[in-house]
Amino acid sequence: MRRPTERRAYLAARQLAHHRERLPWMRERMEENERLLRERLEESGERRLVLSGGIAVARAEDGRVIVGRLPIAENRYEQLELDAIGTTQDTPKEGDPDERRT
């Protein structure tokens, strides 16, 4: 680690003050987002969901929400294959009248 110069100390203090000023707002926003995701999980009836953009949301044992990113496909062929699998799973059932309307 480099020697803590006066300038580096000033920048660190300024950044820390900035983050501490915004911490209450960030906590409030995080609680709102967690509440929204918990409601989405409850509506779906699933324990884990994968949202667009490769974001995985899951319910923890303690009731909190766990959020993470799924790995990105390394090449386009793999991505096309994943898209095809997702499309196959999303095809409507022929007997479901709600799905035939689209």
PDB file of N, CA and C in Angstrom:
ATOM      1  N   MET A   1       0.842  -1.186   0.000  1.00  0.00           N
ATOM      2  CA  MET A   1       0.000   0.000   0.000  1.00  0.00           C
ATOM      3  C   MET A   1       0.884   1.245   0.000  1.00  0.00           C
ATOM      4  N   ARG A   2       0.459   2.215  -0.756  1.00  0.00           N
ATOM      5  CA  ARG A   2       1.232   3.452  -0.851  1.00  0.00           C
ATOM      6  C   ARG A   2       1.143   4.257   0.435  1.00  0.00           C
ATOM      7  N   ARG A   3       2.136   5.109   0.593  1.00  0.00           N
ATOM      8  CA  ARG A   3       2.209   5.981   1.773  1.00  0.00           C
ATOM      9  C   ARG A   3       1.003   6.919   1.801  1.00  0.00           C
ATOM     10  N   PRO A   4       0.354   7.079   2.948  1.00  0.00           N
ATOM     11  CA  PRO A   4      -0.835   7.964   3.030  1.00  0.00           C
ATOM     12  C   PRO A   4      -0.426   9.438   3.010  1.00  0.00           C
ATOM     13  N   THR A   5      -0.507  10.043   1.834  1.00  0.00           N
ATOM     14  CA  THR A   5      -0.162  11.457   1.698  1.00  0.00           C
ATOM     15  C   THR A   5      -1.319  12.324   2.186  1.00  0.00           C
ATOM     16  N   GLU A   6      -1.065  13.592   2.298  1.00  0.00           N
ATOM     17  CA  GLU A   6      -2.097  14.552   2.718  1.00  0.00           C
ATOM     18  C   GLU A   6      -3.261  14.544   1.717  1.00  0.00           C
ATOM     19  N   ARG A   7      -2.934  14.494   0.451  1.00  0.00           N
ATOM     20  CA  ARG A   7      -3.966  14.492  -0.593  1.00  0.00           C
ATOM     21  C   ARG A   7      -4.817  13.229  -0.522  1.00  0.00           C
ATOM     22  N   ARG A   8      -4.186  12.063  -0.378  1.00  0.00           N
ATOM     23  CA  ARG A   8      -4.935  10.811  -0.296  1.00  0.00           C
ATOM     24  C   ARG A   8      -5.808  10.786   0.951  1.00  0.00           C
ATOM     25  N   ALA A   9      -5.318  11.327   2.051  1.00  0.00           N
ATOM     26  CA  ALA A   9      -6.111  11.387   3.287  1.00  0.00           C
ATOM     27  C   ALA A   9      -7.322  12.297   3.093  1.00  0.00           C
ATOM     28  N   TYR A  10      -7.113  13.429   2.429  1.00  0.00           N
ATOM     29  CA  TYR A  10      -8.209  14.356   2.157  1.00  0.00           C
ATOM     30  C   TYR A  10      -9.275  13.692   1.291  1.00  0.00           C
ATOM     31  N   LEU A  11      -8.851  13.015   0.223  1.00  0.00           N
ATOM     32  CA  LEU A  11      -9.803  12.356  -0.666  1.00  0.00           C
ATOM     33  C   LEU A  11     -10.566  11.242   0.054  1.00  0.00           C
ATOM     34  N   ALA A  12      -9.885  10.484   0.871  1.00  0.00           N
ATOM     35  CA  ALA A  12     -10.539   9.410   1.626  1.00  0.00           C
ATOM     36  C   ALA A  12     -11.562   9.989   2.601  1.00  0.00           C
ATOM     37  N   ALA A  13     -11.216  11.066   3.281  1.00  0.00           N
ATOM     38  CA  ALA A  13     -12.134  11.692   4.244  1.00  0.00           C
ATOM     39  C   ALA A  13     -13.343  12.279   3.526  1.00  0.00           C
ATOM     40  N   ARG A  14     -13.109  12.905   2.397  1.00  0.00           N
ATOM     41  CA  ARG A  14     -14.210  13.488   1.623  1.00  0.00           C
ATOM     42  C   ARG A  14     -15.168  12.400   1.133  1.00  0.00           C
ATOM     43  N   GLN A  15     -14.622  11.302   0.633  1.00  0.00           N
ATOM     44  CA  GLN A  15     -15.461  10.211   0.147  1.00  0.00           C
ATOM     45  C   GLN A  15     -16.231   9.567   1.290  1.00  0.00           C
ATOM     46  N   LEU A  16     -15.593   9.366   2.417  1.00  0.00           N
ATOM     47  CA  LEU A  16     -16.256   8.772   3.575  1.00  0.00           C
ATOM     48  C   LEU A  16     -17.397   9.665   4.060  1.00  0.00           C
ATOM     49  N   ALA A  17     -17.166  10.970   4.129  1.00  0.00           N
ATOM     50  CA  ALA A  17     -18.220  11.904   4.548  1.00  0.00           C
ATOM     51  C   ALA A  17     -19.389  11.859   3.569  1.00  0.00           C
ATOM     52  N   HIS A  18     -19.071  11.810   2.285  1.00  0.00           N
ATOM     53  CA  HIS A  18     -20.103  11.744   1.249  1.00  0.00           C
ATOM     54  C   HIS A  18     -20.966  10.495   1.424  1.00  0.00           C
ATOM     55  N   HIS A  19     -20.329   9.349   1.630  1.00  0.00           N
ATOM     56  CA  HIS A  19     -21.072   8.095   1.784  1.00  0.00           C
ATOM     57  C   HIS A  19     -21.887   8.085   3.074  1.00  0.00           C
ATOM     58  N   ARG A  20     -21.350   8.611   4.136  1.00  0.00           N
ATOM     59  CA  ARG A  20     -22.103   8.645   5.401  1.00  0.00           C
ATOM     60  C   ARG A  20     -23.321   9.549   5.306  1.00  0.00           C
ATOM     61  N   GLU A  21     -23.219  10.642   4.547  1.00  0.00           N
ATOM     62  CA  GLU A  21     -24.362  11.542   4.370  1.00  0.00           C
ATOM     63  C   GLU A  21     -25.498  10.844   3.632  1.00  0.00           C
ATOM     64  N   ARG A  22     -25.144   9.982   2.701  1.00  0.00           N
ATOM     65  CA  ARG A  22     -26.151   9.310   1.879  1.00  0.00           C
ATOM     66  C   ARG A  22     -26.582   7.951   2.413  1.00  0.00           C
ATOM     67  N   LEU A  23     -25.967   7.485   3.458  1.00  0.00           N
ATOM     68  CA  LEU A  23     -26.269   6.165   3.998  1.00  0.00           C
ATOM     69  C   LEU A  23     -27.732   6.002   4.411  1.00  0.00           C
ATOM     70  N   PRO A  24     -28.346   6.954   5.101  1.00  0.00           N
ATOM     71  CA  PRO A  24     -29.768   6.772   5.450  1.00  0.00           C
ATOM     72  C   PRO A  24     -30.657   6.623   4.221  1.00  0.00           C
ATOM     73  N   TRP A  25     -30.428   7.415   3.184  1.00  0.00           N
ATOM     74  CA  TRP A  25     -31.213   7.314   1.964  1.00  0.00           C
ATOM     75  C   TRP A  25     -30.993   5.961   1.302  1.00  0.00           C
ATOM     76  N   MET A  26     -29.740   5.508   1.260  1.00  0.00           N
ATOM     77  CA  MET A  26     -29.443   4.221   0.637  1.00  0.00           C
ATOM     78  C   MET A  26     -30.097   3.074   1.396  1.00  0.00           C
ATOM     79  N   ARG A  27     -30.078   3.129   2.716  1.00  0.00           N
ATOM     80  CA  ARG A  27     -30.732   2.075   3.510  1.00  0.00           C
ATOM     81  C   ARG A  27     -32.226   2.031   3.236  1.00  0.00           C
ATOM     82  N   GLU A  28     -32.836   3.211   3.186  1.00  0.00           N
ATOM     83  CA  GLU A  28     -34.274   3.289   2.918  1.00  0.00           C
ATOM     84  C   GLU A  28     -34.593   2.710   1.543  1.00  0.00           C
ATOM     85  N   ARG A  29     -33.799   3.070   0.551  1.00  0.00           N
ATOM     86  CA  ARG A  29     -34.014   2.585  -0.809  1.00  0.00           C
ATOM     87  C   ARG A  29     -33.807   1.079  -0.888  1.00  0.00           C
ATOM     88  N   MET A  30     -32.802   0.556  -0.201  1.00  0.00           N
ATOM     89  CA  MET A  30     -32.541  -0.879  -0.194  1.00  0.00           C
ATOM     90  C   MET A  30     -33.699  -1.633   0.457  1.00  0.00           C
ATOM     91  N   GLU A  31     -34.268  -1.080   1.527  1.00  0.00           N
ATOM     92  CA  GLU A  31     -35.417  -1.720   2.178  1.00  0.00           C
ATOM     93  C   GLU A  31     -36.618  -1.748   1.240  1.00  0.00           C
ATOM     94  N   GLU A  32     -36.847  -0.661   0.501  1.00  0.00           N
ATOM     95  CA  GLU A  32     -37.952  -0.622  -0.461  1.00  0.00           C
ATOM     96  C   GLU A  32     -37.756  -1.674  -1.549  1.00  0.00           C
ATOM     97  N   ASN A  33     -36.536  -1.762  -2.076  1.00  0.00           N
ATOM     98  CA  ASN A  33     -36.249  -2.740  -3.124  1.00  0.00           C
ATOM     99  C   ASN A  33     -36.408  -4.164  -2.616  1.00  0.00           C
ATOM    100  N   GLU A  34     -35.938  -4.414  -1.395  1.00  0.00           N
ATOM    101  CA  GLU A  34     -36.067  -5.756  -0.819  1.00  0.00           C
ATOM    102  C   GLU A  34     -37.535  -6.115  -0.616  1.00  0.00           C
ATOM    103  N   ARG A  35     -38.329  -5.165  -0.177  1.00  0.00           N
ATOM    104  CA  ARG A  35     -39.765  -5.401   0.022  1.00  0.00           C
ATOM    105  C   ARG A  35     -40.444  -5.725  -1.317  1.00  0.00           C
ATOM    106  N   LEU A  36     -40.104  -4.970  -2.359  1.00  0.00           N
ATOM    107  CA  LEU A  36     -40.673  -5.212  -3.678  1.00  0.00           C
ATOM    108  C   LEU A  36     -40.298  -6.602  -4.187  1.00  0.00           C
ATOM    109  N   LEU A  37     -39.043  -6.992  -4.032  1.00  0.00           N
ATOM    110  CA  LEU A  37     -38.599  -8.310  -4.498  1.00  0.00           C
ATOM    111  C   LEU A  37     -39.241  -9.433  -3.685  1.00  0.00           C
ATOM    112  N   ARG A  38     -39.405  -9.225  -2.389  1.00  0.00           N
ATOM    113  CA  ARG A  38     -40.060 -10.227  -1.545  1.00  0.00           C
ATOM    114  C   ARG A  38     -41.507 -10.425  -2.005  1.00  0.00           C
ATOM    115  N   GLU A  39     -42.200  -9.328  -2.316  1.00  0.00           N
ATOM    116  CA  GLU A  39     -43.572  -9.422  -2.809  1.00  0.00           C
ATOM    117  C   GLU A  39     -43.622 -10.166  -4.141  1.00  0.00           C
ATOM    118  N   ARG A  40     -42.667  -9.899  -5.016  1.00  0.00           N
ATOM    119  CA  ARG A  40     -42.619 -10.579  -6.321  1.00  0.00           C
ATOM    120  C   ARG A  40     -42.417 -12.074  -6.140  1.00  0.00           C
ATOM    121  N   LEU A  41     -41.539 -12.453  -5.215  1.00  0.00           N
ATOM    122  CA  LEU A  41     -41.317 -13.871  -4.929  1.00  0.00           C
ATOM    123  C   LEU A  41     -42.579 -14.516  -4.373  1.00  0.00           C
ATOM    124  N   GLU A  42     -43.258 -13.822  -3.463  1.00  0.00           N
ATOM    125  CA  GLU A  42     -44.479 -14.362  -2.872  1.00  0.00           C
ATOM    126  C   GLU A  42     -45.574 -14.529  -3.929  1.00  0.00           C
ATOM    127  N   GLU A  43     -45.716 -13.553  -4.827  1.00  0.00           N
ATOM    128  CA  GLU A  43     -46.725 -13.647  -5.887  1.00  0.00           C
ATOM    129  C   GLU A  43     -46.462 -14.826  -6.813  1.00  0.00           C
ATOM    130  N   SER A  44     -45.181 -15.076  -7.088  1.00  0.00           N
ATOM    131  CA  SER A  44     -44.835 -16.160  -8.016  1.00  0.00           C
ATOM    132  C   SER A  44     -44.981 -17.530  -7.361  1.00  0.00           C
ATOM    133  N   GLY A  45     -44.909 -17.574  -6.032  1.00  0.00           N
ATOM    134  CA  GLY A  45     -44.975 -18.851  -5.330  1.00  0.00           C
ATOM    135  C   GLY A  45     -43.680 -19.640  -5.409  1.00  0.00           C
ATOM    136  N   GLU A  46     -42.663 -19.059  -6.009  1.00  0.00           N
ATOM    137  CA  GLU A  46     -41.364 -19.719  -6.155  1.00  0.00           C
ATOM    138  C   GLU A  46     -40.415 -19.256  -5.061  1.00  0.00           C
ATOM    139  N   ARG A  47     -39.415 -20.066  -4.822  1.00  0.00           N
ATOM    140  CA  ARG A  47     -38.385 -19.691  -3.852  1.00  0.00           C
ATOM    141  C   ARG A  47     -37.258 -18.910  -4.539  1.00  0.00           C
ATOM    142  N   ARG A  48     -37.135 -19.105  -5.880  1.00  0.00           N
ATOM    143  CA  ARG A  48     -36.072 -18.465  -6.646  1.00  0.00           C
ATOM    144  C   ARG A  48     -36.616 -18.034  -8.003  1.00  0.00           C
ATOM    145  N   LEU A  49     -36.242 -16.831  -8.437  1.00  0.00           N
ATOM    146  CA  LEU A  49     -36.637 -16.316  -9.748  1.00  0.00           C
ATOM    147  C   LEU A  49     -35.404 -15.817 -10.482  1.00  0.00           C
ATOM    148  N   VAL A  50     -35.448 -15.920 -11.795  1.00  0.00           N
ATOM    149  CA  VAL A  50     -34.414 -15.308 -12.621  1.00  0.00           C
ATOM    150  C   VAL A  50     -35.096 -14.216 -13.417  1.00  0.00           C
ATOM    151  N   LEU A  51     -34.662 -12.978 -13.193  1.00  0.00           N
ATOM    152  CA  LEU A  51     -35.245 -11.826 -13.861  1.00  0.00           C
ATOM    153  C   LEU A  51     -34.450 -11.501 -15.120  1.00  0.00           C
ATOM    154  N   SER A  52     -35.004 -10.647 -15.949  1.00  0.00           N
ATOM    155  CA  SER A  52     -34.285 -10.266 -17.164  1.00  0.00           C
ATOM    156  C   SER A  52     -32.946  -9.643 -16.783  1.00  0.00           C
ATOM    157  N   GLY A  53     -31.979  -9.819 -17.662  1.00  0.00           N
ATOM    158  CA  GLY A  53     -30.645  -9.307 -17.378  1.00  0.00           C
ATOM    159  C   GLY A  53     -29.800 -10.283 -16.587  1.00  0.00           C
ATOM    160  N   GLY A  54     -30.331 -11.493 -16.334  1.00  0.00           N
ATOM    161  CA  GLY A  54     -29.559 -12.502 -15.618  1.00  0.00           C
ATOM    162  C   GLY A  54     -29.459 -12.255 -14.125  1.00  0.00           C
ATOM    163  N   ILE A  55     -30.427 -11.546 -13.553  1.00  0.00           N
ATOM    164  CA  ILE A  55     -30.444 -11.282 -12.119  1.00  0.00           C
ATOM    165  C   ILE A  55     -31.252 -12.385 -11.440  1.00  0.00           C
ATOM    166  N   ALA A  56     -30.628 -13.064 -10.488  1.00  0.00           N
ATOM    167  CA  ALA A  56     -31.315 -14.124  -9.739  1.00  0.00           C
ATOM    168  C   ALA A  56     -31.729 -13.566  -8.382  1.00  0.00           C
ATOM    169  N   VAL A  57     -32.967 -13.853  -7.989  1.00  0.00           N
ATOM    170  CA  VAL A  57     -33.516 -13.406  -6.710  1.00  0.00           C
ATOM    171  C   VAL A  57     -34.009 -14.645  -5.980  1.00  0.00           C
ATOM    172  N   ALA A  58     -33.640 -14.754  -4.710  1.00  0.00           N
ATOM    173  CA  ALA A  58     -34.052 -15.919  -3.930  1.00  0.00           C
ATOM    174  C   ALA A  58     -34.433 -15.480  -2.523  1.00  0.00           C
ATOM    175  N   ARG A  59     -35.234 -16.314  -1.891  1.00  0.00           N
ATOM    176  CA  ARG A  59     -35.650 -16.067  -0.513  1.00  0.00           C
ATOM    177  C   ARG A  59     -34.711 -16.836   0.412  1.00  0.00           C
ATOM    178  N   ALA A  60     -34.112 -16.162   1.379  1.00  0.00           N
ATOM    179  CA  ALA A  60     -33.227 -16.805   2.344  1.00  0.00           C
ATOM    180  C   ALA A  60     -34.055 -17.446   3.450  1.00  0.00           C
ATOM    181  N   GLU A  61     -33.429 -18.306   4.229  1.00  0.00           N
ATOM    182  CA  GLU A  61     -34.111 -18.981   5.335  1.00  0.00           C
ATOM    183  C   GLU A  61     -34.672 -17.982   6.346  1.00  0.00           C
ATOM    184  N   ASP A  62     -33.966 -16.866   6.553  1.00  0.00           N
ATOM    185  CA  ASP A  62     -34.410 -15.878   7.539  1.00  0.00           C
ATOM    186  C   ASP A  62     -35.441 -14.890   6.984  1.00  0.00           C
ATOM    187  N   GLY A  63     -35.893 -15.113   5.721  1.00  0.00           N
ATOM    188  CA  GLY A  63     -36.918 -14.258   5.137  1.00  0.00           C
ATOM    189  C   GLY A  63     -36.358 -13.108   4.325  1.00  0.00           C
ATOM    190  N   ARG A  64     -35.069 -12.872   4.395  1.00  0.00           N
ATOM    191  CA  ARG A  64     -34.460 -11.795   3.617  1.00  0.00           C
ATOM    192  C   ARG A  64     -34.371 -12.203   2.156  1.00  0.00           C
ATOM    193  N   VAL A  65     -33.999 -11.268   1.315  1.00  0.00           N
ATOM    194  CA  VAL A  65     -33.894 -11.509  -0.120  1.00  0.00           C
ATOM    195  C   VAL A  65     -32.422 -11.540  -0.513  1.00  0.00           C
ATOM    196  N   ILE A  66     -32.060 -12.549  -1.292  1.00  0.00           N
ATOM    197  CA  ILE A  66     -30.696 -12.676  -1.806  1.00  0.00           C
ATOM    198  C   ILE A  66     -30.737 -12.340  -3.289  1.00  0.00           C
ATOM    199  N   VAL A  67     -29.841 -11.475  -3.731  1.00  0.00           N
ATOM    200  CA  VAL A  67     -29.792 -11.062  -5.133  1.00  0.00           C
ATOM    201  C   VAL A  67     -28.389 -11.319  -5.657  1.00  0.00           C
ATOM    202  N   GLY A  68     -28.304 -11.869  -6.874  1.00  0.00           N
ATOM    203  CA  GLY A  68     -27.010 -12.102  -7.497  1.00  0.00           C
ATOM    204  C   GLY A  68     -27.143 -12.126  -9.006  1.00  0.00           C
ATOM    205  N   ARG A  69     -26.019 -12.044  -9.666  1.00  0.00           N
ATOM    206  CA  ARG A  69     -25.998 -12.108 -11.135  1.00  0.00           C
ATOM    207  C   ARG A  69     -25.582 -13.497 -11.568  1.00  0.00           C
ATOM    208  N   LEU A  70     -26.267 -14.026 -12.563  1.00  0.00           N
ATOM    209  CA  LEU A  70     -25.887 -15.302 -13.139  1.00  0.00           C
ATOM    210  C   LEU A  70     -24.715 -15.083 -14.090  1.00  0.00           C
ATOM    211  N   PRO A  71     -23.887 -16.093 -14.271  1.00  0.00           N
ATOM    212  CA  PRO A  71     -22.752 -15.925 -15.177  1.00  0.00           C
ATOM    213  C   PRO A  71     -23.225 -15.659 -16.603  1.00  0.00           C
ATOM    214  N   ILE A  72     -22.485 -14.832 -17.298  1.00  0.00           N
ATOM    215  CA  ILE A  72     -22.802 -14.484 -18.684  1.00  0.00           C
ATOM    216  C   ILE A  72     -22.210 -15.557 -19.591  1.00  0.00           C
ATOM    217  N   ALA A  73     -22.939 -15.899 -20.633  1.00  0.00           N
ATOM    218  CA  ALA A  73     -22.446 -16.898 -21.591  1.00  0.00           C
ATOM    219  C   ALA A  73     -21.135 -16.407 -22.207  1.00  0.00           C
ATOM    220  N   GLU A  74     -20.210 -17.341 -22.408  1.00  0.00           N
ATOM    221  CA  GLU A  74     -18.899 -16.965 -22.921  1.00  0.00           C
ATOM    222  C   GLU A  74     -18.890 -16.701 -24.420  1.00  0.00           C
ATOM    223  N   ASN A  75     -19.823 -17.280 -25.148  1.00  0.00           N
ATOM    224  CA  ASN A  75     -19.853 -17.019 -26.588  1.00  0.00           C
ATOM    225  C   ASN A  75     -21.299 -16.912 -27.053  1.00  0.00           C
ATOM    226  N   ARG A  76     -21.466 -16.427 -28.260  1.00  0.00           N
ATOM    227  CA  ARG A  76     -22.821 -16.188 -28.781  1.00  0.00           C
ATOM    228  C   ARG A  76     -23.599 -17.478 -28.976  1.00  0.00           C
ATOM    229  N   TYR A  77     -22.933 -18.556 -29.395  1.00  0.00           N
ATOM    230  CA  TYR A  77     -23.633 -19.820 -29.596  1.00  0.00           C
ATOM    231  C   TYR A  77     -24.251 -20.283 -28.281  1.00  0.00           C
ATOM    232  N   GLU A  78     -23.480 -20.188 -27.197  1.00  0.00           N
ATOM    233  CA  GLU A  78     -23.994 -20.603 -25.895  1.00  0.00           C
ATOM    234  C   GLU A  78     -25.200 -19.745 -25.510  1.00  0.00           C
ATOM    235  N   GLN A  79     -25.141 -18.438 -25.791  1.00  0.00           N
ATOM    236  CA  GLN A  79     -26.252 -17.555 -25.466  1.00  0.00           C
ATOM    237  C   GLN A  79     -27.483 -17.927 -26.284  1.00  0.00           C
ATOM    238  N   LEU A  80     -27.302 -18.213 -27.566  1.00  0.00           N
ATOM    239  CA  LEU A  80     -28.431 -18.632 -28.404  1.00  0.00           C
ATOM    240  C   LEU A  80     -29.043 -19.920 -27.885  1.00  0.00           C
ATOM    241  N   GLU A  81     -28.185 -20.842 -27.454  1.00  0.00           N
ATOM    242  CA  GLU A  81     -28.672 -22.106 -26.912  1.00  0.00           C
ATOM    243  C   GLU A  81     -29.494 -21.852 -25.651  1.00  0.00           C
ATOM    244  N   LEU A  82     -29.017 -20.974 -24.776  1.00  0.00           N
ATOM    245  CA  LEU A  82     -29.760 -20.649 -23.552  1.00  0.00           C
ATOM    246  C   LEU A  82     -31.082 -19.975 -23.893  1.00  0.00           C
ATOM    247  N   ASP A  83     -31.075 -19.076 -24.893  1.00  0.00           N
ATOM    248  CA  ASP A  83     -32.305 -18.418 -25.311  1.00  0.00           C
ATOM    249  C   ASP A  83     -33.301 -19.432 -25.850  1.00  0.00           C
ATOM    250  N   ALA A  84     -32.825 -20.401 -26.619  1.00  0.00           N
ATOM    251  CA  ALA A  84     -33.704 -21.426 -27.178  1.00  0.00           C
ATOM    252  C   ALA A  84     -34.317 -22.273 -26.078  1.00  0.00           C
ATOM    253  N   ILE A  85     -33.531 -22.605 -25.068  1.00  0.00           N
ATOM    254  CA  ILE A  85     -34.054 -23.380 -23.942  1.00  0.00           C
ATOM    255  C   ILE A  85     -35.119 -22.576 -23.222  1.00  0.00           C
ATOM    256  N   GLY A  86     -34.842 -21.281 -22.981  1.00  0.00           N
ATOM    257  CA  GLY A  86     -35.824 -20.419 -22.315  1.00  0.00           C
ATOM    258  C   GLY A  86     -37.088 -20.273 -23.122  1.00  0.00           C
ATOM    259  N   THR A  87     -36.968 -20.142 -24.441  1.00  0.00           N
ATOM    260  CA  THR A  87     -38.134 -20.009 -25.311  1.00  0.00           C
ATOM    261  C   THR A  87     -38.955 -21.286 -25.310  1.00  0.00           C
ATOM    262  N   THR A  88     -38.291 -22.419 -25.326  1.00  0.00           N
ATOM    263  CA  THR A  88     -38.989 -23.708 -25.298  1.00  0.00           C
ATOM    264  C   THR A  88     -39.781 -23.851 -24.008  1.00  0.00           C
ATOM    265  N   GLN A  89     -39.203 -23.410 -22.907  1.00  0.00           N
ATOM    266  CA  GLN A  89     -39.883 -23.517 -21.612  1.00  0.00           C
ATOM    267  C   GLN A  89     -41.033 -22.533 -21.500  1.00  0.00           C
ATOM    268  N   ASP A  90     -40.970 -21.432 -22.269  1.00  0.00           N
ATOM    269  CA  ASP A  90     -41.991 -20.393 -22.184  1.00  0.00           C
ATOM    270  C   ASP A  90     -43.141 -20.585 -23.162  1.00  0.00           C
ATOM    271  N   THR A  91     -43.099 -21.604 -24.017  1.00  0.00           N
ATOM    272  CA  THR A  91     -44.168 -21.782 -25.003  1.00  0.00           C
ATOM    273  C   THR A  91     -45.475 -22.108 -24.304  1.00  0.00           C
ATOM    274  N   PRO A  92     -46.576 -21.508 -24.744  1.00  0.00           N
ATOM    275  CA  PRO A  92     -47.865 -21.734 -24.084  1.00  0.00           C
ATOM    276  C   PRO A  92     -48.389 -23.141 -24.341  1.00  0.00           C
ATOM    277  N   LYS A  93     -49.144 -23.617 -23.406  1.00  0.00           N
ATOM    278  CA  LYS A  93     -49.801 -24.919 -23.563  1.00  0.00           C
ATOM    279  C   LYS A  93     -50.986 -24.739 -24.492  1.00  0.00           C
ATOM    280  N   GLU A  94     -51.224 -25.709 -25.346  1.00  0.00           N
ATOM    281  CA  GLU A  94     -52.297 -25.585 -26.338  1.00  0.00           C
ATOM    282  C   GLU A  94     -53.671 -25.517 -25.691  1.00  0.00           C
ATOM    283  N   GLY A  95     -53.857 -26.146 -24.550  1.00  0.00           N
ATOM    284  CA  GLY A  95     -55.162 -26.165 -23.910  1.00  0.00           C
ATOM    285  C   GLY A  95     -55.463 -24.962 -23.047  1.00  0.00           C
ATOM    286  N   ASP A  96     -54.506 -24.052 -22.854  1.00  0.00           N
ATOM    287  CA  ASP A  96     -54.694 -22.914 -21.979  1.00  0.00           C
ATOM    288  C   ASP A  96     -55.297 -21.754 -22.771  1.00  0.00           C
ATOM    289  N   PRO A  97     -56.586 -21.413 -22.555  1.00  0.00           N
ATOM    290  CA  PRO A  97     -57.241 -20.372 -23.353  1.00  0.00           C
ATOM    291  C   PRO A  97     -56.621 -18.994 -23.149  1.00  0.00           C
ATOM    292  N   ASP A  98     -56.082 -18.717 -21.968  1.00  0.00           N
ATOM    293  CA  ASP A  98     -55.456 -17.406 -21.725  1.00  0.00           C
ATOM    294  C   ASP A  98     -54.230 -17.223 -22.591  1.00  0.00           C
ATOM    295  N   GLU A  99     -53.485 -18.259 -22.820  1.00  0.00           N
ATOM    296  CA  GLU A  99     -52.255 -18.178 -23.587  1.00  0.00           C
ATOM    297  C   GLU A  99     -52.529 -18.102 -25.094  1.00  0.00           C
ATOM    298  N   ARG A 100     -53.661 -18.627 -25.553  1.00  0.00           N
ATOM    299  CA  ARG A 100     -53.954 -18.636 -26.996  1.00  0.00           C
ATOM    300  C   ARG A 100     -54.321 -17.265 -27.506  1.00  0.00           C
ATOM    301  N   ARG A 101     -54.743 -16.376 -26.634  1.00  0.00           N
ATOM    302  CA  ARG A 101     -55.180 -15.039 -27.056  1.00  0.00           C
ATOM    303  C   ARG A 101     -54.036 -14.211 -27.611  1.00  0.00           C
ATOM    304  N   THR A 102     -52.818 -14.467 -27.201  1.00  0.00           N
ATOM    305  CA  THR A 102     -51.691 -13.617 -27.618  1.00  0.00           C
ATOM    306  C   THR A 102     -51.268 -13.878 -29.029  1.00  0.00           C
TER     307      THR A 102
END
